[in-house]
PDB file of all heavy atoms in Angstrom:
ATOM      1  N   THR A   1      -7.931 -20.986 -17.831  1.00  0.00           N
ATOM      2  CA  THR A   1      -7.590 -21.924 -16.758  1.00  0.00           C
ATOM      3  C   THR A   1      -6.184 -22.474 -16.930  1.00  0.00           C
ATOM      4  O   THR A   1      -5.401 -22.531 -15.975  1.00  0.00           O
ATOM      5  CB  THR A   1      -8.602 -23.081 -16.716  1.00  0.00           C
ATOM      6  OG1 THR A   1      -9.920 -22.545 -16.476  1.00  0.00           O
ATOM      7  CG2 THR A   1      -8.255 -24.066 -15.606  1.00  0.00           C
ATOM      8  N   GLU A   2      -5.845 -22.870 -18.156  1.00  0.00           N
ATOM      9  CA  GLU A   2      -4.512 -23.412 -18.406  1.00  0.00           C
ATOM     10  C   GLU A   2      -3.433 -22.349 -18.223  1.00  0.00           C
ATOM     11  O   GLU A   2      -2.357 -22.626 -17.684  1.00  0.00           O
ATOM     12  CB  GLU A   2      -4.451 -23.975 -19.830  1.00  0.00           C
ATOM     13  CG  GLU A   2      -5.303 -25.219 -20.044  1.00  0.00           C
ATOM     14  CD  GLU A   2      -5.228 -25.714 -21.471  1.00  0.00           C
ATOM     15  OE1 GLU A   2      -4.456 -25.141 -22.268  1.00  0.00           O
ATOM     16  OE2 GLU A   2      -5.953 -26.671 -21.805  1.00  0.00           O
ATOM     17  N   LEU A   3      -3.734 -21.130 -18.662  1.00  0.00           N
ATOM     18  CA  LEU A   3      -2.739 -20.072 -18.560  1.00  0.00           C
ATOM     19  C   LEU A   3      -2.554 -19.627 -17.109  1.00  0.00           C
ATOM     20  O   LEU A   3      -1.444 -19.287 -16.699  1.00  0.00           O
ATOM     21  CB  LEU A   3      -3.153 -18.878 -19.430  1.00  0.00           C
ATOM     22  CG  LEU A   3      -2.049 -17.892 -19.816  1.00  0.00           C
ATOM     23  CD1 LEU A   3      -0.855 -18.605 -20.426  1.00  0.00           C
ATOM     24  CD2 LEU A   3      -2.591 -16.846 -20.774  1.00  0.00           C
ATOM     25  N   ARG A   4      -3.623 -19.646 -16.341  1.00  0.00           N
ATOM     26  CA  ARG A   4      -3.512 -19.332 -14.912  1.00  0.00           C
ATOM     27  C   ARG A   4      -2.577 -20.330 -14.227  1.00  0.00           C
ATOM     28  O   ARG A   4      -1.722 -19.960 -13.427  1.00  0.00           O
ATOM     29  CB  ARG A   4      -4.889 -19.372 -14.247  1.00  0.00           C
ATOM     30  CG  ARG A   4      -4.865 -19.059 -12.752  1.00  0.00           C
ATOM     31  CD  ARG A   4      -6.239 -19.222 -12.134  1.00  0.00           C
ATOM     32  NE  ARG A   4      -7.170 -18.206 -12.592  1.00  0.00           N
ATOM     33  CZ  ARG A   4      -8.362 -18.457 -13.141  1.00  0.00           C
ATOM     34  NH1 ARG A   4      -8.749 -19.728 -13.327  1.00  0.00           N
ATOM     35  NH2 ARG A   4      -9.154 -17.480 -13.497  1.00  0.00           N
ATOM     36  N   ARG A   5      -2.731 -21.610 -14.570  1.00  0.00           N
ATOM     37  CA  ARG A   5      -1.859 -22.641 -13.997  1.00  0.00           C
ATOM     38  C   ARG A   5      -0.411 -22.418 -14.414  1.00  0.00           C
ATOM     39  O   ARG A   5       0.513 -22.503 -13.593  1.00  0.00           O
ATOM     40  CB  ARG A   5      -2.328 -24.021 -14.438  1.00  0.00           C
ATOM     41  CG  ARG A   5      -1.501 -25.181 -13.892  1.00  0.00           C
ATOM     42  CD  ARG A   5      -2.134 -26.520 -14.283  1.00  0.00           C
ATOM     43  NE  ARG A   5      -1.421 -27.630 -13.676  1.00  0.00           N
ATOM     44  CZ  ARG A   5      -0.433 -28.298 -14.269  1.00  0.00           C
ATOM     45  NH1 ARG A   5      -0.035 -27.937 -15.470  1.00  0.00           N
ATOM     46  NH2 ARG A   5       0.154 -29.307 -13.658  1.00  0.00           N
ATOM     47  N   ALA A   6      -0.191 -22.098 -15.691  1.00  0.00           N
ATOM     48  CA  ALA A   6       1.165 -21.863 -16.184  1.00  0.00           C
ATOM     49  C   ALA A   6       1.795 -20.664 -15.488  1.00  0.00           C
ATOM     50  O   ALA A   6       2.980 -20.681 -15.128  1.00  0.00           O
ATOM     51  CB  ALA A   6       1.135 -21.636 -17.695  1.00  0.00           C
ATOM     52  N   LEU A   7       1.019 -19.611 -15.288  1.00  0.00           N
ATOM     53  CA  LEU A   7       1.512 -18.403 -14.622  1.00  0.00           C
ATOM     54  C   LEU A   7       1.921 -18.703 -13.194  1.00  0.00           C
ATOM     55  O   LEU A   7       2.974 -18.257 -12.716  1.00  0.00           O
ATOM     56  CB  LEU A   7       0.426 -17.322 -14.681  1.00  0.00           C
ATOM     57  CG  LEU A   7       0.641 -15.927 -14.088  1.00  0.00           C
ATOM     58  CD1 LEU A   7       0.550 -15.894 -12.580  1.00  0.00           C
ATOM     59  CD2 LEU A   7       1.953 -15.322 -14.549  1.00  0.00           C
ATOM     60  N   ARG A   8       1.114 -19.466 -12.495  1.00  0.00           N
ATOM     61  CA  ARG A   8       1.405 -19.768 -11.089  1.00  0.00           C
ATOM     62  C   ARG A   8       2.660 -20.644 -10.959  1.00  0.00           C
ATOM     63  O   ARG A   8       3.462 -20.447 -10.031  1.00  0.00           O
ATOM     64  CB  ARG A   8       0.189 -20.434 -10.439  1.00  0.00           C
ATOM     65  CG  ARG A   8      -0.986 -19.475 -10.306  1.00  0.00           C
ATOM     66  CD  ARG A   8      -2.201 -20.123  -9.664  1.00  0.00           C
ATOM     67  NE  ARG A   8      -3.279 -19.145  -9.490  1.00  0.00           N
ATOM     68  CZ  ARG A   8      -4.438 -19.388  -8.891  1.00  0.00           C
ATOM     69  NH1 ARG A   8      -4.674 -20.607  -8.415  1.00  0.00           N
ATOM     70  NH2 ARG A   8      -5.349 -18.432  -8.777  1.00  0.00           N
ATOM     71  N   ILE A   9       2.833 -21.585 -11.850  1.00  0.00           N
ATOM     72  CA  ILE A   9       4.046 -22.400 -11.830  1.00  0.00           C
ATOM     73  C   ILE A   9       5.258 -21.540 -12.169  1.00  0.00           C
ATOM     74  O   ILE A   9       6.331 -21.690 -11.579  1.00  0.00           O
ATOM     75  CB  ILE A   9       3.911 -23.586 -12.803  1.00  0.00           C
ATOM     76  CG1 ILE A   9       2.862 -24.575 -12.276  1.00  0.00           C
ATOM     77  CG2 ILE A   9       5.256 -24.289 -13.003  1.00  0.00           C
ATOM     78  CD1 ILE A   9       2.535 -25.700 -13.239  1.00  0.00           C
ATOM     79  N   GLU A  10       5.075 -20.629 -13.116  1.00  0.00           N
ATOM     80  CA  GLU A  10       6.171 -19.739 -13.495  1.00  0.00           C
ATOM     81  C   GLU A  10       6.618 -18.891 -12.312  1.00  0.00           C
ATOM     82  O   GLU A  10       7.812 -18.694 -12.072  1.00  0.00           O
ATOM     83  CB  GLU A  10       5.739 -18.839 -14.651  1.00  0.00           C
ATOM     84  CG  GLU A  10       6.883 -18.167 -15.374  1.00  0.00           C
ATOM     85  CD  GLU A  10       7.751 -19.147 -16.146  1.00  0.00           C
ATOM     86  OE1 GLU A  10       7.254 -20.224 -16.542  1.00  0.00           O
ATOM     87  OE2 GLU A  10       8.941 -18.829 -16.355  1.00  0.00           O
ATOM     88  N   ARG A  11       5.659 -18.378 -11.552  1.00  0.00           N
ATOM     89  CA  ARG A  11       6.006 -17.571 -10.374  1.00  0.00           C
ATOM     90  C   ARG A  11       6.787 -18.406  -9.362  1.00  0.00           C
ATOM     91  O   ARG A  11       7.723 -17.912  -8.742  1.00  0.00           O
ATOM     92  CB  ARG A  11       4.741 -17.003  -9.711  1.00  0.00           C
ATOM     93  CG  ARG A  11       4.106 -15.848 -10.456  1.00  0.00           C
ATOM     94  CD  ARG A  11       3.041 -15.155  -9.600  1.00  0.00           C
ATOM     95  NE  ARG A  11       3.624 -14.540  -8.423  1.00  0.00           N
ATOM     96  CZ  ARG A  11       4.153 -13.311  -8.396  1.00  0.00           C
ATOM     97  NH1 ARG A  11       4.173 -12.571  -9.483  1.00  0.00           N
ATOM     98  NH2 ARG A  11       4.643 -12.828  -7.278  1.00  0.00           N
ATOM     99  N   ARG A  12       6.406 -19.655  -9.198  1.00  0.00           N
ATOM    100  CA  ARG A  12       7.108 -20.460  -8.204  1.00  0.00           C
ATOM    101  C   ARG A  12       8.550 -20.723  -8.637  1.00  0.00           C
ATOM    102  O   ARG A  12       9.473 -20.668  -7.832  1.00  0.00           O
ATOM    103  CB  ARG A  12       6.391 -21.790  -7.971  1.00  0.00           C
ATOM    104  CG  ARG A  12       7.015 -22.532  -6.786  1.00  0.00           C
ATOM    105  CD  ARG A  12       6.261 -23.744  -6.361  1.00  0.00           C
ATOM    106  NE  ARG A  12       6.683 -24.135  -5.016  1.00  0.00           N
ATOM    107  CZ  ARG A  12       6.397 -25.284  -4.445  1.00  0.00           C
ATOM    108  NH1 ARG A  12       5.662 -26.177  -5.076  1.00  0.00           N
ATOM    109  NH2 ARG A  12       6.815 -25.562  -3.226  1.00  0.00           N
ATOM    110  N   MET A  13       8.749 -20.994  -9.919  1.00  0.00           N
ATOM    111  CA  MET A  13      10.105 -21.246 -10.400  1.00  0.00           C
ATOM    112  C   MET A  13      10.944 -19.974 -10.361  1.00  0.00           C
ATOM    113  O   MET A  13      12.129 -20.003 -10.039  1.00  0.00           O
ATOM    114  CB  MET A  13      10.063 -21.798 -11.832  1.00  0.00           C
ATOM    115  CG  MET A  13       9.423 -23.171 -11.963  1.00  0.00           C
ATOM    116  SD  MET A  13       9.659 -23.917 -13.606  1.00  0.00           S
ATOM    117  CE  MET A  13       8.696 -22.805 -14.639  1.00  0.00           C
ATOM    118  N   GLU A  14      10.334 -18.857 -10.671  1.00  0.00           N
ATOM    119  CA  GLU A  14      11.064 -17.596 -10.795  1.00  0.00           C
ATOM    120  C   GLU A  14      11.420 -16.979  -9.454  1.00  0.00           C
ATOM    121  O   GLU A  14      12.510 -16.432  -9.278  1.00  0.00           O
ATOM    122  CB  GLU A  14      10.234 -16.605 -11.614  1.00  0.00           C
ATOM    123  CG  GLU A  14      10.869 -15.235 -11.801  1.00  0.00           C
ATOM    124  CD  GLU A  14      12.059 -15.222 -12.738  1.00  0.00           C
ATOM    125  OE1 GLU A  14      12.244 -16.201 -13.499  1.00  0.00           O
ATOM    126  OE2 GLU A  14      12.819 -14.224 -12.722  1.00  0.00           O
ATOM    127  N   PHE A  15      10.517 -17.058  -8.475  1.00  0.00           N
ATOM    128  CA  PHE A  15      10.691 -16.286  -7.238  1.00  0.00           C
ATOM    129  C   PHE A  15      11.002 -17.122  -6.002  1.00  0.00           C
ATOM    130  O   PHE A  15      10.830 -16.646  -4.874  1.00  0.00           O
ATOM    131  CB  PHE A  15       9.441 -15.436  -6.972  1.00  0.00           C
ATOM    132  CG  PHE A  15       9.148 -14.449  -8.065  1.00  0.00           C
ATOM    133  CD1 PHE A  15       7.978 -14.527  -8.798  1.00  0.00           C
ATOM    134  CD2 PHE A  15      10.059 -13.457  -8.381  1.00  0.00           C
ATOM    135  CE1 PHE A  15       7.707 -13.632  -9.817  1.00  0.00           C
ATOM    136  CE2 PHE A  15       9.803 -12.544  -9.399  1.00  0.00           C
ATOM    137  CZ  PHE A  15       8.621 -12.633 -10.122  1.00  0.00           C
ATOM    138  N   ALA A  16      11.470 -18.336  -6.183  1.00  0.00           N
ATOM    139  CA  ALA A  16      11.835 -19.171  -5.028  1.00  0.00           C
ATOM    140  C   ALA A  16      12.824 -18.424  -4.138  1.00  0.00           C
ATOM    141  O   ALA A  16      13.749 -17.786  -4.616  1.00  0.00           O
ATOM    142  CB  ALA A  16      12.452 -20.484  -5.502  1.00  0.00           C
ATOM    143  N   MET A  17      12.612 -18.490  -2.843  1.00  0.00           N
ATOM    144  CA  MET A  17      13.463 -17.872  -1.825  1.00  0.00           C
ATOM    145  C   MET A  17      13.454 -16.334  -1.905  1.00  0.00           C
ATOM    146  O   MET A  17      14.376 -15.679  -1.451  1.00  0.00           O
ATOM    147  CB  MET A  17      14.905 -18.385  -1.911  1.00  0.00           C
ATOM    148  CG  MET A  17      15.664 -18.280  -0.589  1.00  0.00           C
ATOM    149  SD  MET A  17      17.358 -18.914  -0.654  1.00  0.00           S
ATOM    150  CE  MET A  17      18.175 -17.672  -1.639  1.00  0.00           C
ATOM    151  N   GLU A  18      12.404 -15.743  -2.460  1.00  0.00           N
ATOM    152  CA  GLU A  18      12.316 -14.291  -2.538  1.00  0.00           C
ATOM    153  C   GLU A  18      11.148 -13.731  -1.726  1.00  0.00           C
ATOM    154  O   GLU A  18      10.667 -12.632  -1.986  1.00  0.00           O
ATOM    155  CB  GLU A  18      12.221 -13.841  -4.000  1.00  0.00           C
ATOM    156  CG  GLU A  18      13.490 -14.102  -4.784  1.00  0.00           C
ATOM    157  CD  GLU A  18      13.456 -13.523  -6.183  1.00  0.00           C
ATOM    158  OE1 GLU A  18      13.208 -12.302  -6.327  1.00  0.00           O
ATOM    159  OE2 GLU A  18      13.669 -14.278  -7.148  1.00  0.00           O
ATOM    160  N   ASN A  19      10.684 -14.505  -0.748  1.00  0.00           N
ATOM    161  CA  ASN A  19       9.652 -14.040   0.182  1.00  0.00           C
ATOM    162  C   ASN A  19       8.355 -13.647  -0.518  1.00  0.00           C
ATOM    163  O   ASN A  19       7.724 -12.648  -0.172  1.00  0.00           O
ATOM    164  CB  ASN A  19      10.177 -12.863   1.015  1.00  0.00           C
ATOM    165  CG  ASN A  19      11.363 -13.241   1.867  1.00  0.00           C
ATOM    166  OD1 ASN A  19      11.371 -14.305   2.473  1.00  0.00           O
ATOM    167  ND2 ASN A  19      12.372 -12.394   1.906  1.00  0.00           N
ATOM    168  N   GLN A  20       7.934 -14.456  -1.494  1.00  0.00           N
ATOM    169  CA  GLN A  20       6.672 -14.191  -2.178  1.00  0.00           C
ATOM    170  C   GLN A  20       5.714 -15.377  -2.124  1.00  0.00           C
ATOM    171  O   GLN A  20       4.523 -15.208  -2.370  1.00  0.00           O
ATOM    172  CB  GLN A  20       6.942 -13.837  -3.643  1.00  0.00           C
ATOM    173  CG  GLN A  20       7.778 -12.588  -3.823  1.00  0.00           C
ATOM    174  CD  GLN A  20       7.362 -11.817  -5.053  1.00  0.00           C
ATOM    175  OE1 GLN A  20       6.182 -11.578  -5.283  1.00  0.00           O
ATOM    176  NE2 GLN A  20       8.327 -11.425  -5.845  1.00  0.00           N
ATOM    177  N   ARG A  21       6.222 -16.543  -1.804  1.00  0.00           N
ATOM    178  CA  ARG A  21       5.404 -17.752  -1.874  1.00  0.00           C
ATOM    179  C   ARG A  21       4.211 -17.704  -0.915  1.00  0.00           C
ATOM    180  O   ARG A  21       3.096 -18.081  -1.278  1.00  0.00           O
ATOM    181  CB  ARG A  21       6.272 -18.978  -1.589  1.00  0.00           C
ATOM    182  CG  ARG A  21       5.547 -20.316  -1.711  1.00  0.00           C
ATOM    183  CD  ARG A  21       5.091 -20.600  -3.112  1.00  0.00           C
ATOM    184  NE  ARG A  21       4.542 -21.949  -3.238  1.00  0.00           N
ATOM    185  CZ  ARG A  21       3.822 -22.357  -4.266  1.00  0.00           C
ATOM    186  NH1 ARG A  21       3.553 -21.544  -5.259  1.00  0.00           N
ATOM    187  NH2 ARG A  21       3.366 -23.598  -4.318  1.00  0.00           N
ATOM    188  N   LEU A  22       4.427 -17.243   0.299  1.00  0.00           N
ATOM    189  CA  LEU A  22       3.333 -17.187   1.276  1.00  0.00           C
ATOM    190  C   LEU A  22       2.208 -16.295   0.771  1.00  0.00           C
ATOM    191  O   LEU A  22       1.032 -16.681   0.797  1.00  0.00           O
ATOM    192  CB  LEU A  22       3.849 -16.682   2.624  1.00  0.00           C
ATOM    193  CG  LEU A  22       2.776 -16.432   3.694  1.00  0.00           C
ATOM    194  CD1 LEU A  22       2.064 -17.735   4.053  1.00  0.00           C
ATOM    195  CD2 LEU A  22       3.378 -15.800   4.941  1.00  0.00           C
ATOM    196  N   GLN A  23       2.554 -15.102   0.304  1.00  0.00           N
ATOM    197  CA  GLN A  23       1.531 -14.185  -0.184  1.00  0.00           C
ATOM    198  C   GLN A  23       0.796 -14.760  -1.395  1.00  0.00           C
ATOM    199  O   GLN A  23      -0.424 -14.613  -1.526  1.00  0.00           O
ATOM    200  CB  GLN A  23       2.152 -12.831  -0.533  1.00  0.00           C
ATOM    201  CG  GLN A  23       2.610 -12.031   0.672  1.00  0.00           C
ATOM    202  CD  GLN A  23       4.061 -12.276   1.014  1.00  0.00           C
ATOM    203  OE1 GLN A  23       4.525 -13.416   1.005  1.00  0.00           O
ATOM    204  NE2 GLN A  23       4.804 -11.217   1.313  1.00  0.00           N
ATOM    205  N   ASP A  24       1.547 -15.418  -2.284  1.00  0.00           N
ATOM    206  CA  ASP A  24       0.901 -16.020  -3.449  1.00  0.00           C
ATOM    207  C   ASP A  24      -0.102 -17.087  -3.022  1.00  0.00           C
ATOM    208  O   ASP A  24      -1.243 -17.119  -3.504  1.00  0.00           O
ATOM    209  CB  ASP A  24       1.945 -16.637  -4.382  1.00  0.00           C
ATOM    210  CG  ASP A  24       2.676 -15.602  -5.221  1.00  0.00           C
ATOM    211  OD1 ASP A  24       2.246 -14.421  -5.231  1.00  0.00           O
ATOM    212  OD2 ASP A  24       3.675 -15.962  -5.871  1.00  0.00           O
ATOM    213  N   LEU A  25       0.291 -17.977  -2.143  1.00  0.00           N
ATOM    214  CA  LEU A  25      -0.604 -19.051  -1.707  1.00  0.00           C
ATOM    215  C   LEU A  25      -1.808 -18.509  -0.952  1.00  0.00           C
ATOM    216  O   LEU A  25      -2.919 -19.039  -1.080  1.00  0.00           O
ATOM    217  CB  LEU A  25       0.161 -20.043  -0.833  1.00  0.00           C
ATOM    218  CG  LEU A  25       1.240 -20.870  -1.541  1.00  0.00           C
ATOM    219  CD1 LEU A  25       2.027 -21.687  -0.541  1.00  0.00           C
ATOM    220  CD2 LEU A  25       0.618 -21.773  -2.604  1.00  0.00           C
ATOM    221  N   MET A  26      -1.601 -17.451  -0.171  1.00  0.00           N
ATOM    222  CA  MET A  26      -2.714 -16.863   0.566  1.00  0.00           C
ATOM    223  C   MET A  26      -3.727 -16.223  -0.376  1.00  0.00           C
ATOM    224  O   MET A  26      -4.931 -16.440  -0.254  1.00  0.00           O
ATOM    225  CB  MET A  26      -2.192 -15.837   1.578  1.00  0.00           C
ATOM    226  CG  MET A  26      -1.501 -16.459   2.782  1.00  0.00           C
ATOM    227  SD  MET A  26      -0.790 -15.229   3.916  1.00  0.00           S
ATOM    228  CE  MET A  26      -2.282 -14.460   4.568  1.00  0.00           C
ATOM    229  N   ARG A  27      -3.238 -15.454  -1.349  1.00  0.00           N
ATOM    230  CA  ARG A  27      -4.184 -14.763  -2.228  1.00  0.00           C
ATOM    231  C   ARG A  27      -4.831 -15.711  -3.225  1.00  0.00           C
ATOM    232  O   ARG A  27      -5.960 -15.457  -3.689  1.00  0.00           O
ATOM    233  CB  ARG A  27      -3.508 -13.594  -2.941  1.00  0.00           C
ATOM    234  CG  ARG A  27      -2.387 -13.943  -3.881  1.00  0.00           C
ATOM    235  CD  ARG A  27      -1.615 -12.700  -4.318  1.00  0.00           C
ATOM    236  NE  ARG A  27      -0.530 -13.007  -5.232  1.00  0.00           N
ATOM    237  CZ  ARG A  27      -0.685 -13.153  -6.534  1.00  0.00           C
ATOM    238  NH1 ARG A  27      -1.883 -13.004  -7.081  1.00  0.00           N
ATOM    239  NH2 ARG A  27       0.343 -13.423  -7.314  1.00  0.00           N
ATOM    240  N   TRP A  28      -4.167 -16.820  -3.563  1.00  0.00           N
ATOM    241  CA  TRP A  28      -4.764 -17.825  -4.437  1.00  0.00           C
ATOM    242  C   TRP A  28      -5.653 -18.791  -3.658  1.00  0.00           C
ATOM    243  O   TRP A  28      -6.251 -19.692  -4.261  1.00  0.00           O
ATOM    244  CB  TRP A  28      -3.678 -18.620  -5.153  1.00  0.00           C
ATOM    245  CG  TRP A  28      -2.863 -17.808  -6.123  1.00  0.00           C
ATOM    246  CD1 TRP A  28      -3.247 -16.675  -6.782  1.00  0.00           C
ATOM    247  CD2 TRP A  28      -1.517 -18.088  -6.540  1.00  0.00           C
ATOM    248  NE1 TRP A  28      -2.223 -16.230  -7.585  1.00  0.00           N
ATOM    249  CE2 TRP A  28      -1.144 -17.074  -7.465  1.00  0.00           C
ATOM    250  CE3 TRP A  28      -0.587 -19.089  -6.239  1.00  0.00           C
ATOM    251  CZ2 TRP A  28       0.118 -17.039  -8.068  1.00  0.00           C
ATOM    252  CZ3 TRP A  28       0.663 -19.053  -6.839  1.00  0.00           C
ATOM    253  CH2 TRP A  28       1.004 -18.042  -7.753  1.00  0.00           C
ATOM    254  N   LYS A  29      -5.703 -18.616  -2.350  1.00  0.00           N
ATOM    255  CA  LYS A  29      -6.488 -19.486  -1.461  1.00  0.00           C
ATOM    256  C   LYS A  29      -6.111 -20.960  -1.651  1.00  0.00           C
ATOM    257  O   LYS A  29      -6.962 -21.845  -1.761  1.00  0.00           O
ATOM    258  CB  LYS A  29      -7.994 -19.288  -1.695  1.00  0.00           C
ATOM    259  CG  LYS A  29      -8.498 -17.905  -1.304  1.00  0.00           C
ATOM    260  CD  LYS A  29      -8.378 -17.684   0.190  1.00  0.00           C
ATOM    261  CE  LYS A  29      -9.002 -16.376   0.663  1.00  0.00           C
ATOM    262  NZ  LYS A  29      -8.188 -15.193   0.336  1.00  0.00           N
ATOM    263  N   LEU A  30      -4.794 -21.206  -1.625  1.00  0.00           N
ATOM    264  CA  LEU A  30      -4.280 -22.572  -1.770  1.00  0.00           C
ATOM    265  C   LEU A  30      -3.622 -23.081  -0.493  1.00  0.00           C
ATOM    266  O   LEU A  30      -3.057 -24.178  -0.491  1.00  0.00           O
ATOM    267  CB  LEU A  30      -3.259 -22.631  -2.913  1.00  0.00           C
ATOM    268  CG  LEU A  30      -3.802 -22.504  -4.339  1.00  0.00           C
ATOM    269  CD1 LEU A  30      -2.668 -22.526  -5.346  1.00  0.00           C
ATOM    270  CD2 LEU A  30      -4.802 -23.626  -4.644  1.00  0.00           C
ATOM    271  N   MET A  31      -3.689 -22.286   0.575  1.00  0.00           N
ATOM    272  CA  MET A  31      -2.997 -22.702   1.798  1.00  0.00           C
ATOM    273  C   MET A  31      -3.530 -24.022   2.341  1.00  0.00           C
ATOM    274  O   MET A  31      -2.760 -24.842   2.849  1.00  0.00           O
ATOM    275  CB  MET A  31      -3.106 -21.609   2.859  1.00  0.00           C
ATOM    276  CG  MET A  31      -2.318 -20.354   2.543  1.00  0.00           C
ATOM    277  SD  MET A  31      -0.526 -20.613   2.497  1.00  0.00           S
ATOM    278  CE  MET A  31      -0.152 -20.654   4.240  1.00  0.00           C
ATOM    279  N   ASP A  32      -4.832 -24.249   2.224  1.00  0.00           N
ATOM    280  CA  ASP A  32      -5.376 -25.497   2.754  1.00  0.00           C
ATOM    281  C   ASP A  32      -4.813 -26.705   2.010  1.00  0.00           C
ATOM    282  O   ASP A  32      -4.562 -27.751   2.611  1.00  0.00           O
ATOM    283  CB  ASP A  32      -6.908 -25.485   2.681  1.00  0.00           C
ATOM    284  CG  ASP A  32      -7.431 -25.288   1.263  1.00  0.00           C
ATOM    285  OD1 ASP A  32      -6.737 -24.618   0.466  1.00  0.00           O
ATOM    286  OD2 ASP A  32      -8.527 -25.790   0.955  1.00  0.00           O
ATOM    287  N   LYS A  33      -4.581 -26.561   0.708  1.00  0.00           N
ATOM    288  CA  LYS A  33      -4.027 -27.677  -0.075  1.00  0.00           C
ATOM    289  C   LYS A  33      -2.548 -27.885   0.248  1.00  0.00           C
ATOM    290  O   LYS A  33      -2.081 -29.016   0.412  1.00  0.00           O
ATOM    291  CB  LYS A  33      -4.224 -27.419  -1.561  1.00  0.00           C
ATOM    292  CG  LYS A  33      -5.678 -27.466  -2.008  1.00  0.00           C
ATOM    293  CD  LYS A  33      -5.807 -27.229  -3.495  1.00  0.00           C
ATOM    294  CE  LYS A  33      -7.238 -27.458  -3.976  1.00  0.00           C
ATOM    295  NZ  LYS A  33      -8.204 -26.590  -3.314  1.00  0.00           N
ATOM    296  N   VAL A  34      -1.794 -26.801   0.345  1.00  0.00           N
ATOM    297  CA  VAL A  34      -0.368 -26.904   0.657  1.00  0.00           C
ATOM    298  C   VAL A  34      -0.170 -27.448   2.067  1.00  0.00           C
ATOM    299  O   VAL A  34       0.705 -28.290   2.315  1.00  0.00           O
ATOM    300  CB  VAL A  34       0.318 -25.530   0.510  1.00  0.00           C
ATOM    301  CG1 VAL A  34       1.753 -25.580   1.039  1.00  0.00           C
ATOM    302  CG2 VAL A  34       0.317 -25.094  -0.941  1.00  0.00           C
TER     303      VAL A  34
END
């Protein structure tokens, strides 16, 4: 659980403005929270 959270934060820091955030949020089913 902790590593999953760390990985997801890492992706956000690494890939900002690279057209990946929407797909990440959709597949993680976090769109309702965002």
